[in-house]
């Protein structure tokens, strides 16, 4: 059962499947406008799914990130800055060179009112790549 505090307007959600476990990363906003991150683990136990969650408020995210990074480094975990194969599972054209036709279509779609998120889905790229390309094309200011 979810607590009332974990409810809120969902701003972003990502799912990570890892064997019998699934992790959900949800960024939400409370009615008062306070943003928070909810990390939920769902695991298969026999025939049932068990869930557990933690909630980190925006004001504590930097400290949470720093502590997690320190723990991982101290324990000897080393990660690549990014793993292209994993990124391309969600964004098949991530880090691929932009074609002239794509630039033209991106310009048309953006000027037609599409959001960054909609463009990311259309072009199969990360939202940050869409923003960077729009800046390069002079359509989005820094």
Protein backbone atom coordinates (compact mmCIF):
# COMPACT_ATOMS: atom_id res chain seq x y z
CA UNK A 1 0.00 0.00 0.00
CA UNK A 2 1.38 3.42 -0.92
CA UNK A 3 1.43 6.18 1.60
CA UNK A 4 -0.44 9.40 0.92
CA UNK A 5 2.89 11.27 0.94
CA UNK A 6 4.17 9.24 -2.04
CA UNK A 7 1.24 10.40 -4.14
CA UNK A 8 1.73 13.36 -6.38
CA UNK A 9 1.84 14.58 -9.93
CA UNK A 10 4.27 12.39 -11.87
CA UNK A 11 6.91 14.42 -13.71
CA UNK A 12 9.17 11.60 -14.89
CA UNK A 13 9.26 7.83 -14.65
CA UNK A 14 11.79 5.20 -15.64
CA UNK A 15 11.74 1.44 -15.19
CA UNK A 16 14.75 -0.87 -14.89
CA UNK A 17 14.24 -4.64 -15.14
CA UNK A 18 16.98 -6.63 -13.41
CA UNK A 19 16.23 -10.35 -13.31
CA UNK A 20 13.31 -11.03 -10.94
CA UNK A 21 13.43 -7.45 -9.70
CA UNK A 22 12.09 -4.29 -11.27
CA UNK A 23 13.13 -0.84 -10.14
CA UNK A 24 10.99 2.23 -10.71
CA UNK A 25 12.42 5.74 -10.52
CA UNK A 26 9.63 8.31 -10.30
CA UNK A 27 10.02 12.05 -9.94
CA UNK A 28 6.85 13.56 -8.53
CA UNK A 29 5.56 16.90 -7.35
CA UNK A 30 3.31 17.37 -4.35
CA UNK A 31 0.25 19.61 -4.32
CA UNK A 32 2.43 22.16 -2.53
CA UNK A 33 4.93 22.15 -5.44
CA UNK A 34 7.63 20.15 -3.65
CA UNK A 35 9.52 17.73 -5.92
CA UNK A 36 10.68 14.33 -4.73
CA UNK A 37 12.15 11.09 -6.03
CA UNK A 38 10.55 7.74 -5.25
CA UNK A 39 12.66 4.63 -5.86
CA UNK A 40 10.58 1.45 -5.74
CA UNK A 41 11.81 -2.11 -5.90
CA UNK A 42 9.32 -4.75 -7.00
CA UNK A 43 10.45 -8.35 -6.64
CA UNK A 44 8.88 -11.71 -7.28
CA UNK A 45 8.59 -13.77 -4.08
CA UNK A 46 6.92 -17.06 -4.88
CA UNK A 47 3.68 -16.18 -6.64
CA UNK A 48 3.49 -12.65 -5.24
CA UNK A 49 5.17 -9.35 -5.98
CA UNK A 50 6.56 -7.48 -2.99
CA UNK A 51 7.29 -3.78 -3.19
CA UNK A 52 9.38 -1.46 -1.11
CA UNK A 53 10.06 2.21 -1.68
CA UNK A 54 12.18 5.08 -0.49
CA UNK A 55 11.35 8.72 -0.99
CA UNK A 56 13.99 11.45 -1.26
CA UNK A 57 12.93 15.08 -1.29
CA UNK A 58 14.57 17.51 -3.69
CA UNK A 59 16.42 19.31 -0.90
CA UNK A 60 18.20 16.05 0.02
CA UNK A 61 18.99 14.74 -3.48
CA UNK A 62 22.47 16.28 -3.74
CA UNK A 63 23.51 14.76 -0.39
CA UNK A 64 21.91 11.42 -1.34
CA UNK A 65 23.78 11.40 -4.67
CA UNK A 66 27.10 12.31 -3.00
CA UNK A 67 26.70 9.60 -0.35
CA UNK A 68 25.77 6.96 -2.93
CA UNK A 69 28.72 7.91 -5.14
CA UNK A 70 31.13 7.79 -2.18
CA UNK A 71 29.82 4.39 -1.08
CA UNK A 72 30.17 2.92 -4.58
CA UNK A 73 33.68 4.30 -5.04
CA UNK A 74 34.78 3.18 -1.56
CA UNK A 75 33.41 -0.32 -2.22
CA UNK A 76 35.41 -0.47 -5.47
CA UNK A 77 32.58 -0.24 -7.98
CA UNK A 78 33.68 1.42 -11.23
CA UNK A 79 31.27 2.37 -13.99
CA UNK A 80 31.60 3.80 -17.45
CA UNK A 81 30.21 7.30 -17.78
CA UNK A 82 27.62 5.77 -20.05
CA UNK A 83 26.96 2.41 -21.67
CA UNK A 84 25.78 2.99 -25.22
CA UNK A 85 24.07 -0.39 -25.45
CA UNK A 86 21.94 0.32 -22.39
CA UNK A 87 21.12 3.86 -23.51
CA UNK A 88 20.10 2.63 -26.97
CA UNK A 89 17.56 0.24 -25.44
CA UNK A 90 15.52 3.34 -24.61
CA UNK A 91 16.82 5.73 -27.29
CA UNK A 92 17.86 3.73 -30.40
CA UNK A 93 19.44 6.73 -32.16
CA UNK A 94 21.36 8.04 -29.14
CA UNK A 95 24.75 9.50 -30.11
CA UNK A 96 24.12 8.84 -33.82
CA UNK A 97 25.02 11.57 -36.31
CA UNK A 98 22.11 13.81 -37.27
CA UNK A 99 21.05 13.68 -40.93
CA UNK A 100 20.08 16.82 -42.83
CA UNK A 101 16.53 15.49 -43.24
CA UNK A 102 16.28 14.97 -39.47
CA UNK A 103 17.32 18.58 -38.85
CA UNK A 104 14.64 19.78 -41.25
CA UNK A 105 11.94 17.60 -39.66
CA UNK A 106 13.07 18.54 -36.14
CA UNK A 107 12.76 22.22 -37.05
CA UNK A 108 9.28 21.70 -38.51
CA UNK A 109 8.02 19.61 -35.60
CA UNK A 110 9.43 21.99 -32.97
CA UNK A 111 8.00 25.05 -34.70
CA UNK A 112 4.73 23.14 -35.01
CA UNK A 113 4.48 22.97 -31.22
CA UNK A 114 5.85 19.54 -30.29
CA UNK A 115 7.40 19.30 -26.82
CA UNK A 116 10.97 18.17 -26.14
CA UNK A 117 9.63 14.86 -24.79
CA UNK A 118 7.47 14.29 -27.88
CA UNK A 119 10.44 15.08 -30.13
CA UNK A 120 12.65 12.67 -28.15
CA UNK A 121 10.18 9.86 -28.84
CA UNK A 122 9.80 10.76 -32.51
CA UNK A 123 13.56 10.95 -33.11
CA UNK A 124 14.41 8.07 -30.72
CA UNK A 125 16.93 10.22 -28.84
CA UNK A 126 17.36 11.52 -25.33
CA UNK A 127 15.59 14.79 -24.44
CA UNK A 128 19.00 16.34 -23.72
CA UNK A 129 20.08 15.51 -27.30
CA UNK A 130 16.96 17.18 -28.67
CA UNK A 131 17.64 20.31 -26.61
CA UNK A 132 21.29 20.38 -27.73
CA UNK A 133 20.31 20.01 -31.39
CA UNK A 134 17.66 22.71 -31.13
CA UNK A 135 20.30 25.02 -29.63
CA UNK A 136 22.73 24.20 -32.44
CA UNK A 137 20.01 24.98 -34.99
CA UNK A 138 19.37 28.30 -33.24
CA UNK A 139 15.83 27.35 -32.26
CA UNK A 140 16.35 27.15 -28.49
CA UNK A 141 18.18 29.67 -26.36
CA UNK A 142 20.65 28.65 -23.67
